[in-house]
Amino acid sequence: MMQTISTTLGPVRLLGENATPIWGMSNAERNRRMAESAAKNGSTLAPGHELVFNLAYAFDPLLLRLVLETPGTMFAWAGQPIVGQVTAGSDPMQASGLIDLSDGRKLYNRQLRKLEQPMVRELVPQTRKAIERQSYFGAYKGVTDLLTKYLWPELALILTRIAAQLKMTPNMVSVIGVTLCLVATFLFAKGLFWTGFLCGFIFMVLDTVDGKLARCTITSSKWGNVIDHGVDLVHPPFWWYFWGTGLTYWGLGLSAGTFTFIMTAVIAGYILQRLIEGMFLKDFKMDIHVWRPFDSQFRLITARRNPNMVILFVALLFGRPDIGLIALAWWTIISLVVHAVRLAQAYIVHRSGRPIVSWMDEAEAAA
């Protein structure tokens, strides 16, 4: 069976039928949402072309982004069409840019900073949970901090599934998370570090859940993205500052000079490091952490919120939250120096006439 639907992106041809739901919606609805989302992000179809989706399969949204970049591209699996942008009414398997992914090739996902074989699986009741799990993990960034990469995933998967079943939107999850973020800030200021840590921990997990829920259910929104990234960007310095003021409740208040040094290091260091990352992105059109394998590995532990909270947690276990804050400040300085050196090295390489290319781009080309 074949049907054609209209979307703001353009005509979409759906091949077959499928009653098996995925993330609480039909596969047809999932594909429609992906097309609408692509249109909102500025994608268009070439004149005289249409999108083709095979409802028998679920696939990584990366494939849709790639077919929209190059008209005539059709991804297939073992001789079956999966998704493509082809001439309207034509045979999908006769597309000029036919790519069969069953050969195991890997593709570089620049948006999520990872190189892997994209998900393509037949969607039937027996595979639904496995596909949801694979699509969930497929929404994770390949280059991120060690907590997000290794500790959060299983817990956040459970919460993401619950949120999807309850028909919660990513924005609802974000509001709960932001509330806990503010509560944690207040508790840190009062020296209630353990209670604040619990609120902060839940917030950090929900900070993962809202993004994964948006990607898995294709329900991301402009304001949701602003809230999510805006809070992520702004709140860490406030946590460190009020952690410092809360030390007085433990009888571990820092001297005026030490407190000034610590706050200058953590706040200025944080801002400067983000500026360096912005400069690299602006001048070389890619994230600094995907340049060389070293940069990707250093992202696991660089002085961002999650690794910094590990430092504070270990210090808190030993009853010395003051030493934790001092260690956090020095780690911020070290991370800033590493990023500054890497930016300088990139400029030197660029001025020598050599291109700045991600190691993942190189690996994809060599595959």
Protein backbone atom coordinates (compact mmCIF):
# COMPACT_ATOMS: atom_id res chain seq x y z
CA MET A 1 0.00 0.00 0.00
CA MET A 2 1.16 3.54 -0.74
CA GLN A 3 -0.19 6.90 0.32
CA THR A 4 0.94 10.48 -0.18
CA ILE A 5 0.53 13.15 2.49
CA SER A 6 1.23 16.86 2.41
CA THR A 7 3.56 18.51 4.90
CA THR A 8 5.02 22.00 5.18
CA LEU A 9 8.22 20.46 3.81
CA GLY A 10 6.43 19.16 0.71
CA PRO A 11 4.88 15.90 -0.52
CA VAL A 12 5.68 12.73 1.41
CA ARG A 13 5.10 9.23 0.05
CA LEU A 14 4.51 6.53 2.68
CA LEU A 15 5.20 2.94 1.66
CA GLY A 16 3.20 0.18 3.34
CA GLU A 17 1.37 0.21 6.66
CA ASN A 18 2.47 -0.34 10.25
CA ALA A 19 0.33 -0.47 13.38
CA THR A 20 3.25 -0.94 15.77
CA PRO A 21 3.73 2.23 17.85
CA ILE A 22 7.09 3.78 18.66
CA TRP A 23 7.47 6.23 21.57
CA GLY A 24 3.69 6.36 21.94
CA MET A 25 2.91 7.23 18.30
CA SER A 26 2.53 5.49 14.97
CA ASN A 27 5.50 5.27 12.64
CA ALA A 28 3.59 7.38 10.12
CA GLU A 29 3.18 10.11 12.75
CA ARG A 30 6.87 9.87 13.69
CA ASN A 31 7.89 10.34 10.06
CA ARG A 32 5.44 13.22 9.62
CA ARG A 33 6.91 14.94 12.69
CA MET A 34 10.42 14.50 11.33
CA ALA A 35 9.38 16.11 8.04
CA GLU A 36 7.67 19.02 9.82
CA SER A 37 10.67 19.50 12.10
CA ALA A 38 13.01 19.57 9.10
CA ALA A 39 10.84 22.26 7.49
CA LYS A 40 10.95 24.37 10.67
CA ASN A 41 14.74 24.14 10.59
CA GLY A 42 14.85 25.53 7.06
CA SER A 43 15.12 22.34 4.98
CA THR A 44 13.35 22.18 1.60
CA LEU A 45 12.70 19.63 -1.11
CA ALA A 46 14.19 20.07 -4.56
CA PRO A 47 11.64 21.02 -7.25
CA GLY A 48 9.78 17.98 -8.56
CA HIS A 49 10.98 15.80 -5.68
CA GLU A 50 9.22 14.07 -2.79
CA LEU A 51 10.24 12.34 0.40
CA VAL A 52 9.77 8.60 0.64
CA PHE A 53 9.39 6.78 3.98
CA ASN A 54 9.04 3.02 4.37
CA LEU A 55 6.71 2.50 7.34
CA ALA A 56 8.01 -1.03 7.89
CA TYR A 57 11.27 0.41 9.25
CA ALA A 58 12.39 2.83 11.95
CA PHE A 59 15.56 4.75 11.25
CA ASP A 60 17.95 7.33 12.69
CA PRO A 61 16.80 10.94 11.94
CA LEU A 62 20.33 11.55 10.65
CA LEU A 63 19.33 9.78 7.44
CA LEU A 64 16.53 12.28 6.79
CA ARG A 65 18.93 15.20 7.26
CA LEU A 66 21.33 13.65 4.77
CA VAL A 67 18.72 12.97 2.07
CA LEU A 68 17.46 16.53 2.37
CA GLU A 69 20.98 17.83 1.78
CA THR A 70 21.33 15.89 -1.50
CA PRO A 71 18.34 15.37 -3.81
CA GLY A 72 18.31 11.93 -5.39
CA THR A 73 19.67 10.21 -2.29
CA MET A 74 17.88 7.04 -1.19
CA PHE A 75 18.98 5.00 1.80
CA ALA A 76 18.12 1.31 1.65
CA TRP A 77 18.64 -1.79 3.76
CA ALA A 78 19.24 -5.17 2.15
CA GLY A 79 17.46 -4.07 -1.01
CA GLN A 80 14.51 -2.40 0.75
CA PRO A 81 13.99 1.39 0.47
CA ILE A 82 14.09 3.17 3.84
CA VAL A 83 14.07 6.95 3.33
CA GLY A 84 15.00 9.19 0.44
CA GLN A 85 14.37 12.31 -1.62
CA VAL A 86 13.50 11.17 -5.14
CA THR A 87 11.77 12.45 -8.25
CA ALA A 88 8.03 12.45 -7.57
CA GLY A 89 6.38 9.19 -8.57
CA SER A 90 9.64 7.43 -9.43
CA ASP A 91 10.83 4.01 -8.27
CA PRO A 92 12.77 4.64 -5.03
CA MET A 93 15.24 1.85 -5.76
CA GLN A 94 16.16 3.49 -9.07
CA ALA A 95 17.37 6.68 -7.36
CA SER A 96 20.68 8.01 -8.64
CA GLY A 97 22.12 8.21 -5.13
CA LEU A 98 21.14 4.77 -3.81
CA ILE A 99 23.05 3.83 -0.63
CA ASP A 100 22.51 0.43 0.98
CA LEU A 101 23.45 0.68 4.66
CA SER A 102 23.40 -3.08 5.26
CA ASP A 103 27.11 -3.13 4.33
CA GLY A 104 27.84 -1.80 7.85
CA ARG A 105 29.22 1.61 6.85
CA LYS A 106 29.49 4.33 9.47
CA LEU A 107 28.32 7.93 9.03
CA TYR A 108 29.47 11.04 10.90
CA ASN A 109 26.67 12.78 12.78
CA ARG A 110 27.94 16.36 13.18
CA GLN A 111 24.93 17.42 15.23
CA LEU A 112 25.57 14.77 17.88
CA ARG A 113 29.35 14.61 17.38
CA LYS A 114 29.74 10.89 16.77
CA LEU A 115 30.71 8.39 14.10
CA GLU A 116 28.61 5.24 13.97
CA GLN A 117 26.39 3.04 11.84
CA PRO A 118 22.95 4.71 11.88
CA MET A 119 19.99 2.73 13.18
CA VAL A 120 17.78 0.99 10.63
CA ARG A 121 15.48 -1.76 11.98
CA GLU A 122 12.23 -3.38 11.00
CA LEU A 123 9.52 -2.09 13.34
CA VAL A 124 7.37 -4.95 14.66
CA PRO A 125 5.95 -5.60 18.13
CA GLN A 126 8.88 -7.88 18.98
CA THR A 127 11.46 -5.20 18.14
CA ARG A 128 9.65 -2.09 19.44
CA LYS A 129 11.37 -1.86 22.84
CA ALA A 130 14.77 -2.59 21.35
CA ILE A 131 14.22 0.10 18.70
CA GLU A 132 13.13 2.63 21.34
CA ARG A 133 16.25 1.81 23.31
CA GLN A 134 18.47 2.12 20.25
CA SER A 135 16.86 5.38 19.12
CA TYR A 136 17.22 6.74 22.66
CA PHE A 137 20.93 5.96 22.82
CA GLY A 138 21.23 7.21 19.26
CA ALA A 139 20.08 10.63 20.51
CA TYR A 140 23.11 10.87 22.80
CA LYS A 141 26.05 13.00 21.85
CA GLY A 142 29.13 10.95 21.16
CA VAL A 143 31.40 13.59 22.68
CA THR A 144 30.22 14.73 26.10
CA ASP A 145 31.11 14.50 29.80
CA LEU A 146 31.66 11.21 31.63
CA LEU A 147 28.44 11.37 33.70
CA THR A 148 26.21 12.00 30.69
CA LYS A 149 28.03 9.32 28.71
CA TYR A 150 28.33 6.57 31.30
CA LEU A 151 26.14 7.21 34.37
CA TRP A 152 22.90 8.88 33.25
CA PRO A 153 21.79 6.78 30.22
CA GLU A 154 19.97 3.86 31.85
CA LEU A 155 18.21 5.98 34.48
CA ALA A 156 17.29 8.66 31.95
CA LEU A 157 15.95 5.98 29.57
CA ILE A 158 13.45 4.83 32.20
CA LEU A 159 12.36 8.40 32.89
CA THR A 160 12.13 9.22 29.18
CA ARG A 161 9.85 6.23 28.58
CA ILE A 162 7.66 7.20 31.54
CA ALA A 163 7.43 10.79 30.30
CA ALA A 164 6.51 9.62 26.80
CA GLN A 165 3.80 7.29 28.16
CA LEU A 166 2.38 10.14 30.28
CA LYS A 167 2.34 12.36 27.17
CA MET A 168 4.61 14.87 28.91
CA THR A 169 6.28 17.43 26.69
CA PRO A 170 10.00 18.21 26.94
CA ASN A 171 9.06 21.66 28.23
CA MET A 172 7.19 20.11 31.17
CA VAL A 173 10.30 18.15 32.09
CA SER A 174 12.42 21.29 31.70
CA VAL A 175 10.19 23.28 34.06
CA ILE A 176 10.52 20.61 36.75
CA GLY A 177 14.28 20.57 36.22
CA VAL A 178 14.66 24.35 36.35
CA THR A 179 12.67 24.44 39.59
CA LEU A 180 15.03 21.89 41.15
CA CYS A 181 18.01 23.86 39.84
CA LEU A 182 16.79 26.96 41.68
CA VAL A 183 16.06 24.96 44.84
CA ALA A 184 19.57 23.48 44.73
CA THR A 185 21.05 26.98 44.45
CA PHE A 186 19.13 28.11 47.54
CA LEU A 187 20.16 25.01 49.50
CA PHE A 188 23.83 25.47 48.60
CA ALA A 189 23.64 29.05 49.89
CA LYS A 190 22.35 27.72 53.23
CA GLY A 191 25.09 25.12 53.50
CA LEU A 192 22.62 22.26 52.98
CA PHE A 193 24.99 20.63 50.55
CA TRP A 194 23.66 17.06 50.66
CA THR A 195 20.05 18.09 50.12
CA GLY A 196 21.13 20.55 47.46
CA PHE A 197 23.20 17.83 45.84
CA LEU A 198 20.14 15.58 45.65
CA CYS A 199 18.11 18.32 43.96
CA GLY A 200 21.04 19.07 41.66
CA PHE A 201 21.43 15.39 40.79
CA ILE A 202 17.77 15.05 39.81
CA PHE A 203 18.01 18.27 37.80
CA MET A 204 21.09 16.99 35.95
CA VAL A 205 19.31 13.76 35.04
CA LEU A 206 16.19 15.64 33.91
CA ASP A 207 18.46 17.91 31.89
CA THR A 208 19.27 14.79 29.88
CA VAL A 209 15.68 13.52 29.82
CA ASP A 210 14.12 16.64 28.27
CA GLY A 211 16.55 16.61 25.36
CA LYS A 212 16.17 12.88 24.75
CA LEU A 213 12.39 13.10 25.01
CA ALA A 214 12.39 15.90 22.43
CA ARG A 215 14.58 13.92 20.02
CA CYS A 216 12.82 10.59 20.48
CA THR A 217 9.29 11.98 20.14
CA ILE A 218 10.29 14.67 17.60
CA THR A 219 8.75 17.41 19.77
CA SER A 220 11.57 19.90 20.11
CA SER A 221 10.59 23.57 20.09
CA LYS A 222 12.39 26.87 19.77
CA TRP A 223 11.52 28.01 23.29
CA GLY A 224 12.27 24.63 24.76
CA ASN A 225 15.71 24.78 23.21
CA VAL A 226 16.24 28.30 24.55
CA ILE A 227 15.20 27.29 28.08
CA ASP A 228 17.30 24.12 28.04
CA HIS A 229 20.50 25.67 26.73
CA GLY A 230 19.98 28.99 28.48
CA VAL A 231 19.71 27.41 31.92
CA ASP A 232 22.65 25.10 31.17
CA LEU A 233 24.78 28.07 30.20
CA VAL A 234 23.88 30.40 33.08
CA HIS A 235 23.41 28.40 36.26
CA PRO A 236 26.84 26.77 36.98
CA PRO A 237 28.62 29.95 38.23
CA PHE A 238 25.72 30.58 40.62
CA TRP A 239 26.07 27.10 42.03
CA TRP A 240 29.79 27.57 42.67
CA TYR A 241 29.29 31.04 44.19
CA PHE A 242 26.60 29.97 46.62
CA TRP A 243 28.51 26.79 47.48
CA GLY A 244 31.26 29.15 48.58
CA THR A 245 28.96 31.31 50.71
CA GLY A 246 27.35 28.19 52.20
CA LEU A 247 30.70 27.06 53.63
CA THR A 248 30.19 29.41 56.57
CA TYR A 249 27.43 27.11 57.88
CA TRP A 250 30.03 24.35 58.13
CA GLY A 251 32.56 26.55 59.88
CA LEU A 252 34.72 26.33 56.77
CA GLY A 253 34.24 29.82 55.37
CA LEU A 254 37.06 30.99 53.13
CA SER A 255 39.05 34.14 53.81
CA ALA A 256 38.11 37.19 51.76
CA GLY A 257 41.25 36.88 49.62
CA THR A 258 40.81 33.16 48.99
CA PHE A 259 37.11 33.55 48.24
CA THR A 260 37.85 36.32 45.71
CA PHE A 261 40.51 34.19 44.01
CA ILE A 262 38.24 31.15 43.87
CA MET A 263 35.28 33.06 42.46
CA THR A 264 37.45 34.85 39.90
CA ALA A 265 38.87 31.51 38.78
CA VAL A 266 35.60 29.61 38.52
CA ILE A 267 33.51 32.41 37.00
CA ALA A 268 36.08 34.04 34.72
CA GLY A 269 37.51 30.64 33.82
CA TYR A 270 34.08 29.32 32.92
CA ILE A 271 33.21 32.35 30.78
CA LEU A 272 36.58 32.40 29.01
CA GLN A 273 36.44 28.70 28.26
CA ARG A 274 33.00 29.05 26.69
CA LEU A 275 34.27 32.02 24.67
CA ILE A 276 37.18 29.93 23.39
CA GLU A 277 34.75 27.21 22.35
CA GLY A 278 32.65 29.85 20.58
CA MET A 279 35.69 31.24 18.76
CA PHE A 280 36.68 27.78 17.55
CA LEU A 281 33.15 27.11 16.32
CA LYS A 282 32.98 30.50 14.58
CA ASP A 283 36.36 30.28 12.85
CA PHE A 284 36.50 26.56 12.02
CA LYS A 285 32.78 25.67 11.78
CA MET A 286 32.97 22.80 14.26
CA ASP A 287 33.08 22.11 17.97
CA ILE A 288 36.56 22.27 19.49
CA HIS A 289 36.00 18.88 21.13
CA VAL A 290 35.74 16.98 17.84
CA TRP A 291 38.99 18.27 16.30
CA ARG A 292 41.40 15.55 17.46
CA PRO A 293 40.81 12.40 19.56
CA PHE A 294 42.54 14.14 22.49
CA ASP A 295 39.90 16.88 22.44
CA SER A 296 37.07 14.35 22.45
CA GLN A 297 38.64 12.51 25.40
CA PHE A 298 39.29 15.73 27.31
CA ARG A 299 35.61 16.67 26.94
CA LEU A 300 34.84 13.78 29.30
CA ILE A 301 36.46 15.58 32.22
CA THR A 302 36.75 19.24 31.22
CA ALA A 303 35.58 21.77 33.82
CA ARG A 304 31.89 21.82 33.03
CA ARG A 305 29.07 21.35 35.52
CA ASN A 306 28.95 17.55 35.69
CA PRO A 307 32.69 16.85 36.15
CA ASN A 308 32.84 19.73 38.64
CA MET A 309 30.02 18.18 40.64
CA VAL A 310 32.04 14.95 40.84
CA ILE A 311 34.87 16.94 42.44
CA LEU A 312 32.49 18.50 44.97
CA PHE A 313 30.83 15.15 45.70
CA VAL A 314 34.14 13.45 46.53
CA ALA A 315 35.15 16.35 48.76
CA LEU A 316 31.76 16.25 50.48
CA LEU A 317 32.20 12.54 51.22
CA PHE A 318 35.29 13.48 53.22
CA GLY A 319 33.50 16.35 54.94
CA ARG A 320 35.59 19.04 53.21
CA PRO A 321 33.35 20.96 50.81
CA ASP A 322 35.84 23.84 51.04
CA ILE A 323 38.67 21.77 49.54
CA GLY A 324 36.27 20.61 46.84
CA LEU A 325 35.60 24.21 45.79
CA ILE A 326 39.31 25.01 45.77
CA ALA A 327 40.01 21.91 43.65
CA LEU A 328 37.18 22.93 41.31
CA ALA A 329 38.80 26.35 40.85
CA TRP A 330 42.20 24.89 39.98
CA TRP A 331 40.64 22.36 37.60
CA THR A 332 38.83 25.23 35.88
CA ILE A 333 42.15 27.04 35.43
CA ILE A 334 43.79 23.91 34.02
CA SER A 335 40.89 23.29 31.64
CA LEU A 336 41.02 26.91 30.49
CA VAL A 337 44.73 26.63 29.73
CA VAL A 338 44.21 23.40 27.78
CA HIS A 339 41.46 24.98 25.67
CA ALA A 340 43.50 28.14 25.06
CA VAL A 341 46.48 26.06 23.90
CA ARG A 342 44.29 23.99 21.58
CA LEU A 343 42.77 27.14 20.06
CA ALA A 344 46.24 28.59 19.49
CA GLN A 345 47.41 25.34 17.91
CA ALA A 346 44.41 25.35 15.58
CA TYR A 347 45.24 28.87 14.40
CA ILE A 348 48.86 27.81 13.77
CA VAL A 349 47.72 24.80 11.74
CA HIS A 350 45.25 26.94 9.78
CA ARG A 351 47.85 29.59 8.99
CA SER A 352 50.23 26.92 7.72
CA GLY A 353 47.68 26.14 5.03
CA ARG A 354 46.49 22.84 6.47
CA PRO A 355 42.72 22.35 6.92
CA ILE A 356 41.10 21.99 10.33
CA VAL A 357 39.20 18.74 9.95
CA SER A 358 37.54 16.59 12.60
CA TRP A 359 39.13 13.21 13.20
CA MET A 360 35.62 11.75 12.77
CA ASP A 361 35.36 13.24 9.28
CA GLU A 362 38.68 11.62 8.46
CA ALA A 363 37.54 8.27 9.88
CA GLU A 364 34.32 8.40 7.85
CA ALA A 365 36.24 9.18 4.64
CA ALA A 366 38.65 6.33 5.29
CA ALA A 367 35.89 3.79 5.98
